[in-house]
C-alpha atoms as a PDB file:
ATOM      1  CA  MET A   1      -0.008   0.005   0.010  1.00  0.00           C
ATOM      2  CA  LYS A   2       2.866   2.374   0.832  1.00  0.00           C
ATOM      3  CA  GLN A   3       4.519   1.649  -2.500  1.00  0.00           C
ATOM      4  CA  ILE A   4       1.294   2.351  -4.393  1.00  0.00           C
ATOM      5  CA  GLY A   5       0.846   5.634  -2.497  1.00  0.00           C
ATOM      6  CA  GLU A   6       4.445   6.562  -3.242  1.00  0.00           C
ATOM      7  CA  SER A   7       3.891   5.684  -6.926  1.00  0.00           C
ATOM      8  CA  LYS A   8       0.802   7.849  -7.212  1.00  0.00           C
ATOM      9  CA  GLU A   9       2.580  10.748  -5.448  1.00  0.00           C
ATOM     10  CA  GLN A  10       5.545  10.359  -7.799  1.00  0.00           C
ATOM     11  CA  SER A  11       3.183  10.344 -10.832  1.00  0.00           C
ATOM     12  CA  PHE A  12       1.564  13.558  -9.576  1.00  0.00           C
ATOM     13  CA  LEU A  13       4.894  15.216  -8.975  1.00  0.00           C
ATOM     14  CA  ASP A  14       6.009  14.051 -12.487  1.00  0.00           C
ATOM     15  CA  HIS A  15       2.964  15.774 -14.007  1.00  0.00           C
ATOM     16  CA  LEU A  16       3.784  18.939 -12.106  1.00  0.00           C
ATOM     17  CA  GLU A  17       7.399  18.768 -13.361  1.00  0.00           C
ATOM     18  CA  VAL A  18       6.158  18.383 -16.972  1.00  0.00           C
ATOM     19  CA  LEU A  19       3.771  21.288 -16.571  1.00  0.00           C
ATOM     20  CA  ARG A  20       6.483  23.410 -15.045  1.00  0.00           C
ATOM     21  CA  TRP A  21       8.648  22.950 -18.126  1.00  0.00           C
ATOM     22  CA  HIS A  22       5.717  23.709 -20.487  1.00  0.00           C
ATOM     23  CA  LEU A  23       5.200  26.988 -18.547  1.00  0.00           C
ATOM     24  CA  ILE A  24       8.883  27.846 -18.544  1.00  0.00           C
ATOM     25  CA  ARG A  25       9.126  27.387 -22.260  1.00  0.00           C
ATOM     26  CA  SER A  26       5.970  29.461 -22.696  1.00  0.00           C
ATOM     27  CA  ALA A  27       7.315  32.214 -20.445  1.00  0.00           C
ATOM     28  CA  MET A  28      10.584  32.184 -22.414  1.00  0.00           C
ATOM     29  CA  ALA A  29       8.709  32.619 -25.701  1.00  0.00           C
ATOM     30  CA  VAL A  30       6.723  35.495 -24.271  1.00  0.00           C
ATOM     31  CA  THR A  31       9.869  37.077 -22.863  1.00  0.00           C
ATOM     32  CA  ALA A  32      11.697  36.730 -26.160  1.00  0.00           C
ATOM     33  CA  CYS A  33       8.869  38.446 -28.087  1.00  0.00           C
ATOM     34  CA  MET A  34       8.593  41.031 -25.326  1.00  0.00           C
ATOM     35  CA  VAL A  35      12.298  41.930 -25.671  1.00  0.00           C
ATOM     36  CA  VAL A  36      11.925  42.313 -29.411  1.00  0.00           C
ATOM     37  CA  ALA A  37       8.995  44.669 -28.816  1.00  0.00           C
ATOM     38  CA  PHE A  38      10.869  46.566 -26.081  1.00  0.00           C
ATOM     39  CA  ILE A  39      13.947  47.349 -28.197  1.00  0.00           C
ATOM     40  CA  ASN A  40      11.686  48.628 -31.006  1.00  0.00           C
ATOM     41  CA  PRO A  41       9.711  51.366 -29.268  1.00  0.00           C
ATOM     42  CA  LYS A  42       9.146  53.324 -32.418  1.00  0.00           C
ATOM     43  CA  ILE A  43       7.415  50.456 -34.127  1.00  0.00           C
ATOM     44  CA  LEU A  44       5.483  49.404 -31.001  1.00  0.00           C
ATOM     45  CA  PHE A  45       4.182  52.838 -30.072  1.00  0.00           C
ATOM     46  CA  ASP A  46       4.437  55.216 -33.090  1.00  0.00           C
ATOM     47  CA  LYS A  47       3.524  52.624 -35.763  1.00  0.00           C
ATOM     48  CA  ILE A  48       1.146  50.357 -33.815  1.00  0.00           C
ATOM     49  CA  ILE A  49      -0.385  51.663 -30.585  1.00  0.00           C
ATOM     50  CA  PHE A  50      -0.451  55.414 -31.282  1.00  0.00           C
ATOM     51  CA  ALA A  51      -1.518  54.777 -34.927  1.00  0.00           C
ATOM     52  CA  ALA A  52      -5.186  54.544 -33.647  1.00  0.00           C
ATOM     53  CA  LYS A  53      -5.234  58.334 -33.158  1.00  0.00           C
ATOM     54  CA  ASP A  54      -3.704  59.108 -36.527  1.00  0.00           C
ATOM     55  CA  PRO A  55      -6.189  60.462 -39.186  1.00  0.00           C
ATOM     56  CA  ASP A  56      -4.285  58.315 -41.752  1.00  0.00           C
ATOM     57  CA  PHE A  57      -5.141  55.065 -39.896  1.00  0.00           C
ATOM     58  CA  PRO A  58      -6.630  52.611 -42.459  1.00  0.00           C
ATOM     59  CA  THR A  59      -9.980  52.481 -40.702  1.00  0.00           C
ATOM     60  CA  TYR A  60     -10.441  56.189 -40.737  1.00  0.00           C
ATOM     61  CA  LYS A  61      -9.479  56.392 -44.373  1.00  0.00           C
ATOM     62  CA  ALA A  62     -11.905  53.615 -45.253  1.00  0.00           C
ATOM     63  CA  LEU A  63     -14.753  55.336 -43.414  1.00  0.00           C
ATOM     64  CA  CYS A  64     -13.971  58.549 -45.185  1.00  0.00           C
ATOM     65  CA  TRP A  65     -14.056  56.814 -48.559  1.00  0.00           C
ATOM     66  CA  VAL A  66     -17.428  55.150 -47.725  1.00  0.00           C
ATOM     67  CA  SER A  67     -18.771  58.576 -46.593  1.00  0.00           C
ATOM     68  CA  GLU A  68     -17.791  60.195 -49.845  1.00  0.00           C
ATOM     69  CA  ALA A  69     -18.999  57.249 -51.902  1.00  0.00           C
ATOM     70  CA  LEU A  70     -22.465  57.531 -50.337  1.00  0.00           C
ATOM     71  CA  GLY A  71     -22.568  61.230 -51.045  1.00  0.00           C
ATOM     72  CA  LEU A  72     -22.401  62.187 -47.360  1.00  0.00           C
ATOM     73  CA  GLY A  73     -19.427  64.476 -47.811  1.00  0.00           C
ATOM     74  CA  ASP A  74     -16.847  64.284 -45.003  1.00  0.00           C
ATOM     75  CA  VAL A  75     -19.317  63.092 -42.270  1.00  0.00           C
ATOM     76  CA  PHE A  76     -17.106  60.109 -41.423  1.00  0.00           C
ATOM     77  CA  CYS A  77     -13.806  61.794 -42.231  1.00  0.00           C
ATOM     78  CA  PHE A  78     -11.786  62.361 -39.077  1.00  0.00           C
ATOM     79  CA  MET A  79      -9.253  65.073 -38.793  1.00  0.00           C
ATOM     80  CA  LYS A  80      -6.507  65.334 -36.154  1.00  0.00           C
ATOM     81  CA  MET A  81      -7.658  64.117 -32.773  1.00  0.00           C
ATOM     82  CA  PRO A  82      -8.486  67.060 -30.434  1.00  0.00           C
ATOM     83  CA  PHE A  83      -6.333  65.684 -27.479  1.00  0.00           C
ATOM     84  CA  THR A  84      -2.803  65.268 -26.389  1.00  0.00           C
ATOM     85  CA  LEU A  85      -1.237  62.381 -24.553  1.00  0.00           C
ATOM     86  CA  MET A  86       0.431  63.221 -21.268  1.00  0.00           C
ATOM     87  CA  ASN A  87       2.490  61.405 -18.587  1.00  0.00           C
ATOM     88  CA  ILE A  88       2.166  62.524 -14.958  1.00  0.00           C
ATOM     89  CA  ASN A  89       4.332  59.898 -13.240  1.00  0.00           C
ATOM     90  CA  MET A  90       8.148  59.959 -13.057  1.00  0.00           C
ATOM     91  CA  SER A  91       8.366  56.276 -13.969  1.00  0.00           C
ATOM     92  CA  GLY A  92       5.148  56.396 -16.117  1.00  0.00           C
ATOM     93  CA  GLN A  93       6.695  56.092 -19.553  1.00  0.00           C
ATOM     94  CA  PHE A  94       9.194  53.374 -18.479  1.00  0.00           C
ATOM     95  CA  SER A  95       6.435  51.211 -16.769  1.00  0.00           C
ATOM     96  CA  THR A  96       4.151  51.757 -19.765  1.00  0.00           C
ATOM     97  CA  HIS A  97       6.977  50.633 -22.056  1.00  0.00           C
ATOM     98  CA  ILE A  98       7.414  47.433 -20.116  1.00  0.00           C
ATOM     99  CA  ILE A  99       3.757  46.575 -19.790  1.00  0.00           C
ATOM    100  CA  SER A 100       3.009  47.379 -23.501  1.00  0.00           C
ATOM    101  CA  SER A 101       5.946  45.201 -24.505  1.00  0.00           C
ATOM    102  CA  LEU A 102       4.664  42.348 -22.343  1.00  0.00           C
ATOM    103  CA  VAL A 103       1.156  42.541 -23.875  1.00  0.00           C
ATOM    104  CA  ALA A 104       2.700  42.634 -27.385  1.00  0.00           C
ATOM    105  CA  GLY A 105       4.942  39.713 -26.461  1.00  0.00           C
ATOM    106  CA  PHE A 106       1.950  37.668 -25.207  1.00  0.00           C
ATOM    107  CA  ILE A 107      -0.129  38.364 -28.366  1.00  0.00           C
ATOM    108  CA  VAL A 108       2.715  37.382 -30.743  1.00  0.00           C
ATOM    109  CA  ALA A 109       3.660  34.322 -28.681  1.00  0.00           C
ATOM    110  CA  PHE A 110       0.097  33.138 -28.083  1.00  0.00           C
ATOM    111  CA  PRO A 111       0.040  30.350 -30.729  1.00  0.00           C
ATOM    112  CA  TYR A 112       3.203  28.879 -29.190  1.00  0.00           C
ATOM    113  CA  VAL A 113       1.955  29.321 -25.551  1.00  0.00           C
ATOM    114  CA  PHE A 114      -1.286  27.541 -26.456  1.00  0.00           C
ATOM    115  CA  TRP A 115       0.631  24.828 -28.288  1.00  0.00           C
ATOM    116  CA  GLU A 116       2.676  24.195 -25.146  1.00  0.00           C
ATOM    117  CA  LEU A 117      -0.422  23.966 -22.940  1.00  0.00           C
ATOM    118  CA  TRP A 118      -2.070  21.750 -25.425  1.00  0.00           C
ATOM    119  CA  ARG A 119       0.946  19.396 -25.443  1.00  0.00           C
ATOM    120  CA  PHE A 120       0.397  19.006 -21.665  1.00  0.00           C
ATOM    121  CA  ILE A 121      -3.360  18.402 -21.943  1.00  0.00           C
ATOM    122  CA  ARG A 122      -3.361  16.163 -25.013  1.00  0.00           C
ATOM    123  CA  PRO A 123      -1.841  13.003 -23.355  1.00  0.00           C
ATOM    124  CA  ALA A 124      -4.734  12.947 -20.848  1.00  0.00           C
ATOM    125  CA  LEU A 125      -7.299  12.562 -23.666  1.00  0.00           C
ATOM    126  CA  HIS A 126      -8.497   9.222 -25.172  1.00  0.00           C
ATOM    127  CA  GLN A 127      -7.349   8.504 -28.673  1.00  0.00           C
ATOM    128  CA  GLY A 128     -10.860   9.361 -29.966  1.00  0.00           C
ATOM    129  CA  GLU A 129     -10.903  12.606 -28.078  1.00  0.00           C
ATOM    130  CA  GLN A 130      -7.511  13.457 -29.490  1.00  0.00           C
ATOM    131  CA  LYS A 131      -8.718  12.801 -33.049  1.00  0.00           C
ATOM    132  CA  HIS A 132     -11.751  15.112 -32.632  1.00  0.00           C
ATOM    133  CA  ALA A 133      -9.481  17.795 -31.156  1.00  0.00           C
ATOM    134  CA  ARG A 134      -7.148  17.728 -34.083  1.00  0.00           C
ATOM    135  CA  GLY A 135      -6.393  21.270 -35.339  1.00  0.00           C
ATOM    136  CA  VAL A 136      -7.353  22.932 -32.075  1.00  0.00           C
ATOM    137  CA  VAL A 137      -4.102  24.789 -31.859  1.00  0.00           C
ATOM    138  CA  PHE A 138      -4.498  26.210 -35.333  1.00  0.00           C
ATOM    139  CA  TYR A 139      -8.148  27.270 -34.933  1.00  0.00           C
ATOM    140  CA  THR A 140      -7.689  28.737 -31.413  1.00  0.00           C
ATOM    141  CA  SER A 141      -4.631  30.700 -32.511  1.00  0.00           C
ATOM    142  CA  PHE A 142      -6.313  31.857 -35.670  1.00  0.00           C
ATOM    143  CA  LEU A 143      -9.441  33.042 -33.928  1.00  0.00           C
ATOM    144  CA  PHE A 144      -7.425  34.782 -31.243  1.00  0.00           C
ATOM    145  CA  ILE A 145      -5.308  36.677 -33.770  1.00  0.00           C
ATOM    146  CA  LEU A 146      -8.394  37.474 -35.872  1.00  0.00           C
ATOM    147  CA  GLY A 147     -10.139  38.867 -32.798  1.00  0.00           C
ATOM    148  CA  VAL A 148      -7.140  40.963 -31.884  1.00  0.00           C
ATOM    149  CA  LEU A 149      -6.870  42.342 -35.375  1.00  0.00           C
ATOM    150  CA  PHE A 150     -10.636  43.090 -35.384  1.00  0.00           C
ATOM    151  CA  GLY A 151     -10.294  44.912 -32.072  1.00  0.00           C
ATOM    152  CA  TYR A 152      -7.247  46.829 -33.375  1.00  0.00           C
ATOM    153  CA  TYR A 153      -8.647  47.923 -36.764  1.00  0.00           C
ATOM    154  CA  MET A 154     -12.309  48.251 -35.974  1.00  0.00           C
ATOM    155  CA  VAL A 155     -13.175  48.699 -32.263  1.00  0.00           C
ATOM    156  CA  ALA A 156     -10.035  50.516 -30.933  1.00  0.00           C
ATOM    157  CA  PRO A 157     -10.007  53.427 -33.528  1.00  0.00           C
ATOM    158  CA  LEU A 158     -13.731  53.970 -33.073  1.00  0.00           C
ATOM    159  CA  SER A 159     -13.352  53.996 -29.322  1.00  0.00           C
ATOM    160  CA  VAL A 160     -10.478  56.458 -29.531  1.00  0.00           C
ATOM    161  CA  GLN A 161     -12.307  58.624 -32.005  1.00  0.00           C
ATOM    162  CA  PHE A 162     -15.557  58.766 -29.976  1.00  0.00           C
ATOM    163  CA  LEU A 163     -13.962  59.190 -26.543  1.00  0.00           C
ATOM    164  CA  GLY A 164     -11.273  61.568 -27.809  1.00  0.00           C
ATOM    165  CA  ASN A 165     -13.883  63.870 -29.417  1.00  0.00           C
ATOM    166  CA  TYR A 166     -16.444  63.638 -26.646  1.00  0.00           C
ATOM    167  CA  GLN A 167     -16.967  66.960 -24.919  1.00  0.00           C
ATOM    168  CA  VAL A 168     -19.280  68.064 -22.124  1.00  0.00           C
ATOM    169  CA  SER A 169     -18.220  71.692 -22.628  1.00  0.00           C
ATOM    170  CA  ALA A 170     -15.944  73.707 -24.875  1.00  0.00           C
ATOM    171  CA  GLN A 171     -14.227  74.922 -21.687  1.00  0.00           C
ATOM    172  CA  VAL A 172     -12.738  71.455 -21.058  1.00  0.00           C
ATOM    173  CA  ALA A 173      -9.666  70.410 -23.021  1.00  0.00           C
ATOM    174  CA  ASN A 174      -8.810  66.718 -23.325  1.00  0.00           C
ATOM    175  CA  GLN A 175      -5.379  65.773 -22.017  1.00  0.00           C
ATOM    176  CA  ILE A 176      -5.442  62.000 -21.992  1.00  0.00           C
ATOM    177  CA  ASN A 177      -3.189  60.088 -19.618  1.00  0.00           C
ATOM    178  CA  LEU A 178      -0.793  57.823 -21.445  1.00  0.00           C
ATOM    179  CA  ASN A 179      -1.803  54.748 -19.391  1.00  0.00           C
ATOM    180  CA  SER A 180      -5.467  55.429 -20.067  1.00  0.00           C
ATOM    181  CA  PHE A 181      -5.003  55.547 -23.866  1.00  0.00           C
ATOM    182  CA  ILE A 182      -2.863  52.423 -23.986  1.00  0.00           C
ATOM    183  CA  SER A 183      -5.142  50.613 -21.654  1.00  0.00           C
ATOM    184  CA  THR A 184      -8.096  51.351 -23.922  1.00  0.00           C
ATOM    185  CA  VAL A 185      -6.349  50.012 -27.035  1.00  0.00           C
ATOM    186  CA  THR A 186      -4.820  46.882 -25.403  1.00  0.00           C
ATOM    187  CA  THR A 187      -8.007  45.962 -23.435  1.00  0.00           C
ATOM    188  CA  VAL A 188     -10.147  46.153 -26.526  1.00  0.00           C
ATOM    189  CA  CYS A 189      -7.753  44.050 -28.587  1.00  0.00           C
ATOM    190  CA  LEU A 190      -7.348  41.304 -25.873  1.00  0.00           C
ATOM    191  CA  ALA A 191     -11.072  41.271 -25.102  1.00  0.00           C
ATOM    192  CA  ASN A 192     -11.923  40.650 -28.789  1.00  0.00           C
ATOM    193  CA  GLY A 193      -9.220  37.997 -28.999  1.00  0.00           C
ATOM    194  CA  ILE A 194     -10.924  36.139 -26.111  1.00  0.00           C
ATOM    195  CA  ILE A 195     -14.452  36.673 -27.401  1.00  0.00           C
ATOM    196  CA  PHE A 196     -13.570  35.196 -30.756  1.00  0.00           C
ATOM    197  CA  GLN A 197     -12.901  31.887 -29.002  1.00  0.00           C
ATOM    198  CA  LEU A 198     -16.650  31.242 -28.841  1.00  0.00           C
ATOM    199  CA  PRO A 199     -16.751  28.639 -31.676  1.00  0.00           C
ATOM    200  CA  VAL A 200     -13.919  26.646 -30.020  1.00  0.00           C
ATOM    201  CA  VAL A 201     -15.603  26.672 -26.630  1.00  0.00           C
ATOM    202  CA  VAL A 202     -18.951  25.657 -28.155  1.00  0.00           C
ATOM    203  CA  TYR A 203     -17.178  22.823 -30.031  1.00  0.00           C
ATOM    204  CA  PHE A 204     -15.792  21.251 -26.870  1.00  0.00           C
ATOM    205  CA  LEU A 205     -18.950  21.805 -24.859  1.00  0.00           C
ATOM    206  CA  SER A 206     -20.931  20.107 -27.559  1.00  0.00           C
ATOM    207  CA  ARG A 207     -18.513  17.230 -27.648  1.00  0.00           C
ATOM    208  CA  LEU A 208     -19.092  16.834 -23.944  1.00  0.00           C
ATOM    209  CA  GLY A 209     -22.877  16.980 -24.363  1.00  0.00           C
ATOM    210  CA  ILE A 210     -23.202  20.103 -22.245  1.00  0.00           C
ATOM    211  CA  ILE A 211     -24.560  22.247 -25.110  1.00  0.00           C
ATOM    212  CA  THR A 212     -26.887  21.215 -27.926  1.00  0.00           C
ATOM    213  CA  PRO A 213     -27.995  23.069 -31.058  1.00  0.00           C
ATOM    214  CA  HIS A 214     -31.549  23.132 -29.624  1.00  0.00           C
ATOM    215  CA  PHE A 215     -30.218  24.884 -26.543  1.00  0.00           C
ATOM    216  CA  LEU A 216     -28.401  27.458 -28.588  1.00  0.00           C
ATOM    217  CA  ARG A 217     -31.452  28.163 -30.775  1.00  0.00           C
ATOM    218  CA  THR A 218     -33.829  28.305 -27.833  1.00  0.00           C
ATOM    219  CA  TYR A 219     -31.662  30.906 -26.072  1.00  0.00           C
ATOM    220  CA  ARG A 220     -30.741  32.884 -29.296  1.00  0.00           C
ATOM    221  CA  LYS A 221     -32.729  35.932 -28.003  1.00  0.00           C
ATOM    222  CA  HIS A 222     -30.978  35.812 -24.646  1.00  0.00           C
ATOM    223  CA  ALA A 223     -27.671  35.500 -26.484  1.00  0.00           C
ATOM    224  CA  LEU A 224     -28.559  38.624 -28.483  1.00  0.00           C
ATOM    225  CA  VAL A 225     -29.068  40.574 -25.285  1.00  0.00           C
ATOM    226  CA  LEU A 226     -25.795  39.205 -23.863  1.00  0.00           C
ATOM    227  CA  VAL A 227     -23.945  40.269 -27.089  1.00  0.00           C
ATOM    228  CA  LEU A 228     -25.325  43.721 -26.794  1.00  0.00           C
ATOM    229  CA  ILE A 229     -24.272  43.921 -23.165  1.00  0.00           C
ATOM    230  CA  ILE A 230     -20.740  42.716 -24.039  1.00  0.00           C
ATOM    231  CA  SER A 231     -20.591  45.164 -26.902  1.00  0.00           C
ATOM    232  CA  ALA A 232     -21.539  47.980 -24.589  1.00  0.00           C
ATOM    233  CA  ILE A 233     -18.802  46.948 -22.086  1.00  0.00           C
ATOM    234  CA  ILE A 234     -15.915  46.819 -24.549  1.00  0.00           C
ATOM    235  CA  THR A 235     -16.861  49.725 -26.765  1.00  0.00           C
ATOM    236  CA  PRO A 236     -17.749  53.380 -26.166  1.00  0.00           C
ATOM    237  CA  PRO A 237     -21.485  54.192 -25.849  1.00  0.00           C
ATOM    238  CA  ASP A 238     -22.192  55.024 -29.448  1.00  0.00           C
ATOM    239  CA  ILE A 239     -24.409  53.030 -31.729  1.00  0.00           C
ATOM    240  CA  MET A 240     -21.968  52.599 -34.560  1.00  0.00           C
ATOM    241  CA  SER A 241     -19.266  51.011 -32.402  1.00  0.00           C
ATOM    242  CA  GLN A 242     -21.713  48.647 -30.754  1.00  0.00           C
ATOM    243  CA  ILE A 243     -23.181  47.520 -34.078  1.00  0.00           C
ATOM    244  CA  MET A 244     -19.667  46.818 -35.479  1.00  0.00           C
ATOM    245  CA  VAL A 245     -18.864  44.696 -32.457  1.00  0.00           C
ATOM    246  CA  SER A 246     -22.241  42.999 -32.204  1.00  0.00           C
ATOM    247  CA  PHE A 247     -22.332  41.946 -35.829  1.00  0.00           C
ATOM    248  CA  PRO A 248     -19.262  39.615 -35.833  1.00  0.00           C
ATOM    249  CA  LEU A 249     -20.365  38.266 -32.382  1.00  0.00           C
ATOM    250  CA  LEU A 250     -23.690  37.271 -33.829  1.00  0.00           C
ATOM    251  CA  ILE A 251     -22.040  35.619 -36.757  1.00  0.00           C
ATOM    252  CA  LEU A 252     -19.750  33.751 -34.403  1.00  0.00           C
ATOM    253  CA  TYR A 253     -22.880  32.593 -32.462  1.00  0.00           C
ATOM    254  CA  GLU A 254     -24.460  31.298 -35.625  1.00  0.00           C
ATOM    255  CA  ILE A 255     -21.286  29.562 -36.635  1.00  0.00           C
ATOM    256  CA  SER A 256     -21.246  28.013 -33.165  1.00  0.00           C
ATOM    257  CA  ILE A 257     -24.740  26.627 -33.745  1.00  0.00           C
ATOM    258  CA  LYS A 258     -23.560  25.033 -37.006  1.00  0.00           C
ATOM    259  CA  ILE A 259     -20.578  23.537 -35.198  1.00  0.00           C
ATOM    260  CA  SER A 260     -22.845  22.134 -32.531  1.00  0.00           C
ATOM    261  CA  GLU A 261     -25.136  20.610 -35.112  1.00  0.00           C
ATOM    262  CA  ARG A 262     -22.191  18.787 -36.722  1.00  0.00           C
ATOM    263  CA  MET A 263     -21.142  17.453 -33.341  1.00  0.00           C
ATOM    264  CA  GLN A 264     -24.620  16.128 -32.734  1.00  0.00           C
ATOM    265  CA  ASP A 265     -24.787  14.450 -36.136  1.00  0.00           C
ATOM    266  CA  LYS A 266     -21.532  12.684 -35.395  1.00  0.00           C
END
């Protein structure tokens, strides 16, 4: 009995050791990408993060083109943002540089990090479960990057434009804190990256029999309300931004129903 107990304990410790090395390699990948981002501040900040307040940002130019094509003039053409970024802390710019580099490192290294975690989880699955989970690293990584890009090119610029131009009085000038601006951009991007995982989550829940197509159809109206609430949380309170976020979320929900149907047929 003692030997059995020691064997089980050793097995558990072995699993912890394996997990530790997966986490170490993941941390090393994130750190490597973080260092690359850190030593290229002009690209990270001027070309990527601060680009969302530039009138030449692709999203603003596209909206301006649509506005002119519809004969609306320059209704959706955005000029220079009426605010300046400021730093009020002695170590503010340095800490912002580190945190922004860390976020960038995580986003770039996400496919590898998820692959490492999947390598740890996969042996615990049965052969049939492993077969059905084939391609999960690709699809999860693809949806995450797609969500981040959607947040960066669609939600973030609209959030910056709306909040940067919002005014309660002409007597108040907007001087946006550096951390506030970067937090808005990064939070929106990461939130969309996570939200875009909905089809993957539904796939596995359907495989486990927790969710069915009938359940998803029955609660479609409730899901619509939830989508609107999520859109209101991660976007500024203007109709255009909420519609642009809600539309892909609803598409993802319908795709999830189709995925669940396929799982039920199998």
